Amino acid sequence: MRIIPAIDIIEGKCVRLSKGDYNTKIIYNENPLEVAKEFQDHGIEYLHLVDLDGAKSKHIVNHKILEQIASQTNLKVDFGGGLKTDEDLKIAFESGANQITGGSIAVKDTGTFKSWLSKFGADKIILGADANNEKIAVSGWLEESEEELIPFVQNYQKEGVSYVICTDISKDGMLQGPSFDLYKKMLTEIPNIKLIASGGISTFDELPKLAELGCEGTIIGKAIYENRISLKQLENYILNN
């Protein structure tokens, strides 16, 4: 299972939110590049970079940070937040993104999202399936849609999607553990999906459990910043798996 730390960006700074609420912002570091380099120093190969300003303004904003991290580390970056147009994707890939994540757009503009899959290939496009009570949430989680999580993912799997990041919003940033039951259900009902678990991860012991369920990767955010999981532990996990 891939270990994918998260860096969320507001105004160029590394922050975390709870349940996607911008009013709960905590700044952890003024310099995201510094954080990314530290991850790399501990054997981490992947990074989930979220442009929260982009998510709010509905177009790419923090691509300069992406460019810095992609050009000054070897991390494979998946980048998301506010990607709405072909131009946004062009900027993201030119700035060094290895993959991009599309969330709200996959709900609100299915035509564009499907065109990205055929244009860039399913390996480059991750479906962001963020859910509250198994309903898909959009617009930086500010609104809940009527889309049911599992049929939503199943439909996109038919269109060629293979990577899915699923965040249970009720768990995100709460450090109360991930949605094991939800992921188990998804992996049972949507075979062959590369499921990346996100949200709520709080202790190192949860990682082997997610791997055992069959998650392809896991995104870890606040647990690292609050020192619940050390980079040394992650380094050892990567070395031994």
C-alpha atoms as a PDB file:
ATOM      1  CA  MET A   1       0.000   0.000   0.000  1.00  0.00           C
ATOM      2  CA  ARG A   2       1.359   3.393  -0.988  1.00  0.00           C
ATOM      3  CA  ILE A   3       1.881   5.973   1.759  1.00  0.00           C
ATOM      4  CA  ILE A   4       0.812   9.396   0.499  1.00  0.00           C
ATOM      5  CA  PRO A   5       1.234  12.353   2.867  1.00  0.00           C
ATOM      6  CA  ALA A   6      -0.948  15.390   2.216  1.00  0.00           C
ATOM      7  CA  ILE A   7      -0.031  19.032   1.950  1.00  0.00           C
ATOM      8  CA  ASP A   8      -3.000  21.404   1.814  1.00  0.00           C
ATOM      9  CA  ILE A   9      -2.244  24.932   0.625  1.00  0.00           C
ATOM     10  CA  ILE A  10      -3.914  28.202   1.562  1.00  0.00           C
ATOM     11  CA  GLU A  11      -2.123  31.450   0.577  1.00  0.00           C
ATOM     12  CA  GLY A  12       1.049  29.499  -0.124  1.00  0.00           C
ATOM     13  CA  LYS A  13       1.181  27.961   3.357  1.00  0.00           C
ATOM     14  CA  CYS A  14       0.845  24.364   4.537  1.00  0.00           C
ATOM     15  CA  VAL A  15      -2.424  24.104   6.517  1.00  0.00           C
ATOM     16  CA  ARG A  16      -4.973  21.553   7.742  1.00  0.00           C
ATOM     17  CA  LEU A  17      -8.717  21.923   8.082  1.00  0.00           C
ATOM     18  CA  SER A  18     -11.230  19.835  10.017  1.00  0.00           C
ATOM     19  CA  LYS A  19     -14.123  18.426   7.948  1.00  0.00           C
ATOM     20  CA  GLY A  20     -13.173  20.813   5.142  1.00  0.00           C
ATOM     21  CA  ASP A  21     -14.182  23.875   7.168  1.00  0.00           C
ATOM     22  CA  TYR A  22     -11.992  26.864   6.254  1.00  0.00           C
ATOM     23  CA  ASN A  23     -12.705  28.420   9.668  1.00  0.00           C
ATOM     24  CA  THR A  24     -10.792  25.571  11.358  1.00  0.00           C
ATOM     25  CA  LYS A  25      -7.554  26.369   9.513  1.00  0.00           C
ATOM     26  CA  ILE A  26      -4.297  25.644  11.336  1.00  0.00           C
ATOM     27  CA  ILE A  27      -1.043  26.742   9.677  1.00  0.00           C
ATOM     28  CA  TYR A  28       1.652  24.101  10.185  1.00  0.00           C
ATOM     29  CA  ASN A  29       4.402  25.492   8.031  1.00  0.00           C
ATOM     30  CA  GLU A  30       4.927  28.665   5.999  1.00  0.00           C
ATOM     31  CA  ASN A  31       7.031  26.690   3.504  1.00  0.00           C
ATOM     32  CA  PRO A  32       5.414  23.662   1.810  1.00  0.00           C
ATOM     33  CA  LEU A  33       8.638  22.836  -0.061  1.00  0.00           C
ATOM     34  CA  GLU A  34      10.409  22.330   3.272  1.00  0.00           C
ATOM     35  CA  VAL A  35       7.682  19.878   4.321  1.00  0.00           C
ATOM     36  CA  ALA A  36       7.875  18.005   1.011  1.00  0.00           C
ATOM     37  CA  LYS A  37      11.663  17.677   1.276  1.00  0.00           C
ATOM     38  CA  GLU A  38      11.298  16.252   4.780  1.00  0.00           C
ATOM     39  CA  PHE A  39       8.865  13.640   3.451  1.00  0.00           C
ATOM     40  CA  GLN A  40      11.328  12.710   0.721  1.00  0.00           C
ATOM     41  CA  ASP A  41      14.167  12.422   3.258  1.00  0.00           C
ATOM     42  CA  HIS A  42      12.141   9.700   4.993  1.00  0.00           C
ATOM     43  CA  GLY A  43      11.803   7.527   1.904  1.00  0.00           C
ATOM     44  CA  ILE A  44       8.364   8.778   0.900  1.00  0.00           C
ATOM     45  CA  GLU A  45       7.773   8.780  -2.861  1.00  0.00           C
ATOM     46  CA  TYR A  46       4.275  10.220  -3.199  1.00  0.00           C
ATOM     47  CA  LEU A  47       2.510  13.440  -2.257  1.00  0.00           C
ATOM     48  CA  HIS A  48      -1.127  14.539  -2.302  1.00  0.00           C
ATOM     49  CA  LEU A  49      -1.100  18.313  -2.856  1.00  0.00           C
ATOM     50  CA  VAL A  50      -4.383  20.164  -2.462  1.00  0.00           C
ATOM     51  CA  ASP A  51      -4.927  23.720  -3.639  1.00  0.00           C
ATOM     52  CA  LEU A  52      -7.586  24.869  -1.157  1.00  0.00           C
ATOM     53  CA  ASP A  53      -7.548  28.396  -2.614  1.00  0.00           C
ATOM     54  CA  GLY A  54      -8.203  26.751  -5.980  1.00  0.00           C
ATOM     55  CA  ALA A  55     -11.082  24.702  -4.569  1.00  0.00           C
ATOM     56  CA  LYS A  56     -12.690  27.912  -3.304  1.00  0.00           C
ATOM     57  CA  SER A  57     -12.088  30.013  -6.420  1.00  0.00           C
ATOM     58  CA  LYS A  58     -12.856  27.172  -8.876  1.00  0.00           C
ATOM     59  CA  HIS A  59      -9.638  27.433 -10.863  1.00  0.00           C
ATOM     60  CA  ILE A  60      -5.993  26.545 -10.242  1.00  0.00           C
ATOM     61  CA  VAL A  61      -4.251  29.030  -7.902  1.00  0.00           C
ATOM     62  CA  ASN A  62      -1.194  27.528  -6.197  1.00  0.00           C
ATOM     63  CA  HIS A  63       0.555  26.018  -9.226  1.00  0.00           C
ATOM     64  CA  LYS A  64       3.813  27.789  -8.322  1.00  0.00           C
ATOM     65  CA  ILE A  65       4.036  25.686  -5.151  1.00  0.00           C
ATOM     66  CA  LEU A  66       3.390  22.569  -7.239  1.00  0.00           C
ATOM     67  CA  GLU A  67       6.169  23.628  -9.594  1.00  0.00           C
ATOM     68  CA  GLN A  68       8.606  24.205  -6.706  1.00  0.00           C
ATOM     69  CA  ILE A  69       7.910  20.806  -5.151  1.00  0.00           C
ATOM     70  CA  ALA A  70       7.934  18.918  -8.469  1.00  0.00           C
ATOM     71  CA  SER A  71      11.185  20.531  -9.633  1.00  0.00           C
ATOM     72  CA  GLN A  72      13.069  20.382  -6.318  1.00  0.00           C
ATOM     73  CA  THR A  73      12.067  16.901  -5.090  1.00  0.00           C
ATOM     74  CA  ASN A  74      11.540  13.505  -6.717  1.00  0.00           C
ATOM     75  CA  LEU A  75       8.065  13.130  -5.218  1.00  0.00           C
ATOM     76  CA  LYS A  76       5.299  11.946  -7.529  1.00  0.00           C
ATOM     77  CA  VAL A  77       2.637  14.555  -6.886  1.00  0.00           C
ATOM     78  CA  ASP A  78      -1.074  14.159  -7.340  1.00  0.00           C
ATOM     79  CA  PHE A  79      -2.635  17.605  -7.439  1.00  0.00           C
ATOM     80  CA  GLY A  80      -6.229  18.646  -6.842  1.00  0.00           C
ATOM     81  CA  GLY A  81      -8.401  21.576  -5.870  1.00  0.00           C
ATOM     82  CA  GLY A  82     -10.458  23.690  -8.245  1.00  0.00           C
ATOM     83  CA  LEU A  83      -9.429  22.014 -11.490  1.00  0.00           C
ATOM     84  CA  LYS A  84     -12.280  22.837 -13.863  1.00  0.00           C
ATOM     85  CA  THR A  85     -10.931  23.368 -17.392  1.00  0.00           C
ATOM     86  CA  ASP A  86      -8.486  21.874 -19.866  1.00  0.00           C
ATOM     87  CA  GLU A  87      -6.353  24.972 -19.226  1.00  0.00           C
ATOM     88  CA  ASP A  88      -6.222  24.189 -15.473  1.00  0.00           C
ATOM     89  CA  LEU A  89      -5.019  20.666 -16.287  1.00  0.00           C
ATOM     90  CA  LYS A  90      -2.462  21.949 -18.772  1.00  0.00           C
ATOM     91  CA  ILE A  91      -1.044  24.244 -16.059  1.00  0.00           C
ATOM     92  CA  ALA A  92      -1.046  21.428 -13.469  1.00  0.00           C
ATOM     93  CA  PHE A  93       0.760  18.947 -15.716  1.00  0.00           C
ATOM     94  CA  GLU A  94       3.195  21.580 -17.008  1.00  0.00           C
ATOM     95  CA  SER A  95       3.925  22.516 -13.381  1.00  0.00           C
ATOM     96  CA  GLY A  96       4.946  18.917 -12.717  1.00  0.00           C
ATOM     97  CA  ALA A  97       1.868  17.059 -11.467  1.00  0.00           C
ATOM     98  CA  ASN A  98       2.158  13.311 -11.964  1.00  0.00           C
ATOM     99  CA  GLN A  99      -1.619  12.876 -11.597  1.00  0.00           C
ATOM    100  CA  ILE A 100      -4.536  15.219 -10.995  1.00  0.00           C
ATOM    101  CA  THR A 101      -7.626  14.649  -8.882  1.00  0.00           C
ATOM    102  CA  GLY A 102     -11.044  15.771 -10.112  1.00  0.00           C
ATOM    103  CA  GLY A 103     -13.819  15.900  -7.542  1.00  0.00           C
ATOM    104  CA  SER A 104     -16.615  18.442  -7.993  1.00  0.00           C
ATOM    105  CA  ILE A 105     -16.161  18.491 -11.758  1.00  0.00           C
ATOM    106  CA  ALA A 106     -16.855  14.752 -11.972  1.00  0.00           C
ATOM    107  CA  VAL A 107     -20.290  15.515 -10.496  1.00  0.00           C
ATOM    108  CA  LYS A 108     -21.076  18.864 -12.098  1.00  0.00           C
ATOM    109  CA  ASP A 109     -19.510  18.537 -15.537  1.00  0.00           C
ATOM    110  CA  THR A 110     -19.288  14.867 -16.418  1.00  0.00           C
ATOM    111  CA  GLY A 111     -18.545  15.618 -20.078  1.00  0.00           C
ATOM    112  CA  THR A 112     -15.338  17.493 -19.272  1.00  0.00           C
ATOM    113  CA  PHE A 113     -14.192  14.903 -16.743  1.00  0.00           C
ATOM    114  CA  LYS A 114     -14.776  12.050 -19.207  1.00  0.00           C
ATOM    115  CA  SER A 115     -12.892  13.974 -21.894  1.00  0.00           C
ATOM    116  CA  TRP A 116      -9.900  14.222 -19.516  1.00  0.00           C
ATOM    117  CA  LEU A 117      -9.922  10.445 -19.094  1.00  0.00           C
ATOM    118  CA  SER A 118      -9.698   9.906 -22.835  1.00  0.00           C
ATOM    119  CA  LYS A 119      -7.278  12.796 -23.429  1.00  0.00           C
ATOM    120  CA  PHE A 120      -4.777  12.152 -20.627  1.00  0.00           C
ATOM    121  CA  GLY A 121      -5.429   8.493 -19.804  1.00  0.00           C
ATOM    122  CA  ALA A 122      -6.899   6.867 -16.697  1.00  0.00           C
ATOM    123  CA  ASP A 123      -3.472   6.598 -15.035  1.00  0.00           C
ATOM    124  CA  LYS A 124      -3.233  10.394 -14.914  1.00  0.00           C
ATOM    125  CA  ILE A 125      -6.728  11.172 -13.665  1.00  0.00           C
ATOM    126  CA  ILE A 126      -7.903  10.295 -10.151  1.00  0.00           C
ATOM    127  CA  LEU A 127     -11.586  10.409  -9.280  1.00  0.00           C
ATOM    128  CA  GLY A 128     -12.111  12.341  -6.047  1.00  0.00           C
ATOM    129  CA  ALA A 129     -15.110  10.679  -4.415  1.00  0.00           C
ATOM    130  CA  ASP A 130     -15.580  12.587  -1.173  1.00  0.00           C
ATOM    131  CA  ALA A 131     -18.624  11.544   0.752  1.00  0.00           C
ATOM    132  CA  ASN A 132     -20.828  12.404   3.674  1.00  0.00           C
ATOM    133  CA  ASN A 133     -23.290   9.662   4.669  1.00  0.00           C
ATOM    134  CA  GLU A 134     -22.362   7.895   1.404  1.00  0.00           C
ATOM    135  CA  LYS A 135     -23.510  10.928  -0.622  1.00  0.00           C
ATOM    136  CA  ILE A 136     -20.943  12.687  -2.790  1.00  0.00           C
ATOM    137  CA  ALA A 137     -19.945  16.166  -1.561  1.00  0.00           C
ATOM    138  CA  VAL A 138     -18.699  18.906  -3.874  1.00  0.00           C
ATOM    139  CA  SER A 139     -17.253  22.441  -3.943  1.00  0.00           C
ATOM    140  CA  GLY A 140     -14.639  21.963  -1.247  1.00  0.00           C
ATOM    141  CA  TRP A 141     -17.302  19.968   0.629  1.00  0.00           C
ATOM    142  CA  LEU A 142     -19.454  23.034   1.005  1.00  0.00           C
ATOM    143  CA  GLU A 143     -22.392  21.231  -0.622  1.00  0.00           C
ATOM    144  CA  GLU A 144     -23.735  17.694  -0.649  1.00  0.00           C
ATOM    145  CA  SER A 145     -25.011  16.284  -3.935  1.00  0.00           C
ATOM    146  CA  GLU A 146     -27.711  13.675  -4.505  1.00  0.00           C
ATOM    147  CA  GLU A 147     -25.135  11.294  -5.998  1.00  0.00           C
ATOM    148  CA  GLU A 148     -24.782   8.019  -4.099  1.00  0.00           C
ATOM    149  CA  LEU A 149     -21.117   7.166  -3.543  1.00  0.00           C
ATOM    150  CA  ILE A 150     -20.967   3.552  -4.784  1.00  0.00           C
ATOM    151  CA  PRO A 151     -23.043   3.921  -7.996  1.00  0.00           C
ATOM    152  CA  PHE A 152     -21.112   7.147  -8.716  1.00  0.00           C
ATOM    153  CA  VAL A 153     -17.775   5.299  -8.602  1.00  0.00           C
ATOM    154  CA  GLN A 154     -19.171   2.265 -10.458  1.00  0.00           C
ATOM    155  CA  ASN A 155     -20.357   4.488 -13.308  1.00  0.00           C
ATOM    156  CA  TYR A 156     -16.951   6.090 -13.653  1.00  0.00           C
ATOM    157  CA  GLN A 157     -15.213   2.731 -13.480  1.00  0.00           C
ATOM    158  CA  LYS A 158     -17.182   1.853 -16.629  1.00  0.00           C
ATOM    159  CA  GLU A 159     -15.677   4.987 -18.201  1.00  0.00           C
ATOM    160  CA  GLY A 160     -12.179   3.738 -17.441  1.00  0.00           C
ATOM    161  CA  VAL A 161     -11.434   5.273 -14.019  1.00  0.00           C
ATOM    162  CA  SER A 162      -9.058   3.110 -12.000  1.00  0.00           C
ATOM    163  CA  TYR A 163      -7.803   5.421  -9.206  1.00  0.00           C
ATOM    164  CA  VAL A 164     -10.286   6.716  -6.632  1.00  0.00           C
ATOM    165  CA  ILE A 165      -9.553   8.815  -3.560  1.00  0.00           C
ATOM    166  CA  CYS A 166     -12.389   8.441  -1.081  1.00  0.00           C
ATOM    167  CA  THR A 167     -12.565  10.773   1.895  1.00  0.00           C
ATOM    168  CA  ASP A 168     -15.260  10.304   4.489  1.00  0.00           C
ATOM    169  CA  ILE A 169     -15.793  13.956   5.383  1.00  0.00           C
ATOM    170  CA  SER A 170     -17.185  13.176   8.826  1.00  0.00           C
ATOM    171  CA  LYS A 171     -13.770  11.703   9.672  1.00  0.00           C
ATOM    172  CA  ASP A 172     -11.491  14.204   7.967  1.00  0.00           C
ATOM    173  CA  GLY A 173      -9.078  15.972  10.291  1.00  0.00           C
ATOM    174  CA  MET A 174     -10.818  14.512  13.340  1.00  0.00           C
ATOM    175  CA  LEU A 175      -8.066  11.977  14.196  1.00  0.00           C
ATOM    176  CA  GLN A 176     -10.701   9.387  15.148  1.00  0.00           C
ATOM    177  CA  GLY A 177      -9.741   6.666  12.680  1.00  0.00           C
ATOM    178  CA  PRO A 178     -10.700   6.050   9.047  1.00  0.00           C
ATOM    179  CA  SER A 179     -13.922   4.591   7.636  1.00  0.00           C
ATOM    180  CA  PHE A 180     -12.916   0.936   7.565  1.00  0.00           C
ATOM    181  CA  ASP A 181     -16.491  -0.264   6.980  1.00  0.00           C
ATOM    182  CA  LEU A 182     -17.051   2.127   4.092  1.00  0.00           C
ATOM    183  CA  TYR A 183     -13.808   1.095   2.371  1.00  0.00           C
ATOM    184  CA  LYS A 184     -14.577  -2.582   2.877  1.00  0.00           C
ATOM    185  CA  LYS A 185     -18.000  -2.058   1.302  1.00  0.00           C
ATOM    186  CA  MET A 186     -16.501  -0.161  -1.647  1.00  0.00           C
ATOM    187  CA  LEU A 187     -13.820  -2.765  -2.296  1.00  0.00           C
ATOM    188  CA  THR A 188     -16.432  -5.526  -2.164  1.00  0.00           C
ATOM    189  CA  GLU A 189     -18.926  -3.788  -4.442  1.00  0.00           C
ATOM    190  CA  ILE A 190     -16.427  -2.190  -6.859  1.00  0.00           C
ATOM    191  CA  PRO A 191     -13.822  -4.851  -7.622  1.00  0.00           C
ATOM    192  CA  ASN A 192     -10.504  -3.915  -9.296  1.00  0.00           C
ATOM    193  CA  ILE A 193     -10.677  -0.305  -8.169  1.00  0.00           C
ATOM    194  CA  LYS A 194      -7.444   1.278  -6.903  1.00  0.00           C
ATOM    195  CA  LEU A 195      -8.882   2.767  -3.736  1.00  0.00           C
ATOM    196  CA  ILE A 196      -6.928   5.423  -1.878  1.00  0.00           C
ATOM    197  CA  ALA A 197      -8.232   5.861   1.657  1.00  0.00           C
ATOM    198  CA  SER A 198      -8.259   9.392   3.043  1.00  0.00           C
ATOM    199  CA  GLY A 199      -9.558  11.076   6.162  1.00  0.00           C
ATOM    200  CA  GLY A 200      -9.395  10.290   9.851  1.00  0.00           C
ATOM    201  CA  ILE A 201      -6.133   8.354   9.959  1.00  0.00           C
ATOM    202  CA  SER A 202      -4.828   8.850  13.478  1.00  0.00           C
ATOM    203  CA  THR A 203      -2.491   6.014  14.505  1.00  0.00           C
ATOM    204  CA  PHE A 204       0.126   3.894  12.803  1.00  0.00           C
ATOM    205  CA  ASP A 205      -1.810   0.678  13.611  1.00  0.00           C
ATOM    206  CA  GLU A 206      -4.557   1.704  11.201  1.00  0.00           C
ATOM    207  CA  LEU A 207      -2.227   1.428   8.189  1.00  0.00           C
ATOM    208  CA  PRO A 208      -1.824  -2.391   8.127  1.00  0.00           C
ATOM    209  CA  LYS A 209      -5.612  -2.688   8.538  1.00  0.00           C
ATOM    210  CA  LEU A 210      -6.222  -0.514   5.475  1.00  0.00           C
ATOM    211  CA  ALA A 211      -3.631  -2.531   3.539  1.00  0.00           C
ATOM    212  CA  GLU A 212      -5.352  -5.751   4.598  1.00  0.00           C
ATOM    213  CA  LEU A 213      -8.702  -4.460   3.306  1.00  0.00           C
ATOM    214  CA  GLY A 214      -7.053  -3.976  -0.088  1.00  0.00           C
ATOM    215  CA  CYS A 215      -6.594  -0.203  -0.230  1.00  0.00           C
ATOM    216  CA  GLU A 216      -4.052   0.727  -2.920  1.00  0.00           C
ATOM    217  CA  GLY A 217      -2.871   3.787  -1.014  1.00  0.00           C
ATOM    218  CA  THR A 218      -3.627   5.939   1.976  1.00  0.00           C
ATOM    219  CA  ILE A 219      -3.432   9.692   2.406  1.00  0.00           C
ATOM    220  CA  ILE A 220      -2.181  10.882   5.788  1.00  0.00           C
ATOM    221  CA  GLY A 221      -2.445  14.509   6.834  1.00  0.00           C
ATOM    222  CA  LYS A 222      -3.101  15.800  10.302  1.00  0.00           C
ATOM    223  CA  ALA A 223      -1.734  12.662  12.030  1.00  0.00           C
ATOM    224  CA  ILE A 224       1.722  13.553  10.686  1.00  0.00           C
ATOM    225  CA  TYR A 225       1.474  17.249  11.559  1.00  0.00           C
ATOM    226  CA  GLU A 226       0.203  16.520  15.071  1.00  0.00           C
ATOM    227  CA  ASN A 227       2.957  13.896  15.577  1.00  0.00           C
ATOM    228  CA  ARG A 228       0.503  11.033  16.025  1.00  0.00           C
ATOM    229  CA  ILE A 229       2.400   9.140  13.313  1.00  0.00           C
ATOM    230  CA  SER A 230       6.114   9.811  12.937  1.00  0.00           C
ATOM    231  CA  LEU A 231       7.919  10.023   9.621  1.00  0.00           C
ATOM    232  CA  LYS A 232      10.317   7.414  11.006  1.00  0.00           C
ATOM    233  CA  GLN A 233       7.408   4.965  11.434  1.00  0.00           C
ATOM    234  CA  LEU A 234       6.341   5.618   7.856  1.00  0.00           C
ATOM    235  CA  GLU A 235       9.907   5.166   6.634  1.00  0.00           C
ATOM    236  CA  ASN A 236      10.108   1.763   8.352  1.00  0.00           C
ATOM    237  CA  TYR A 237       6.697   0.757   6.983  1.00  0.00           C
ATOM    238  CA  ILE A 238       7.795   1.605   3.426  1.00  0.00           C
ATOM    239  CA  LEU A 239      11.085  -0.285   3.845  1.00  0.00           C
ATOM    240  CA  ASN A 240       9.364  -3.399   5.189  1.00  0.00           C
ATOM    241  CA  ASN A 241       6.461  -3.603   2.725  1.00  0.00           C
END
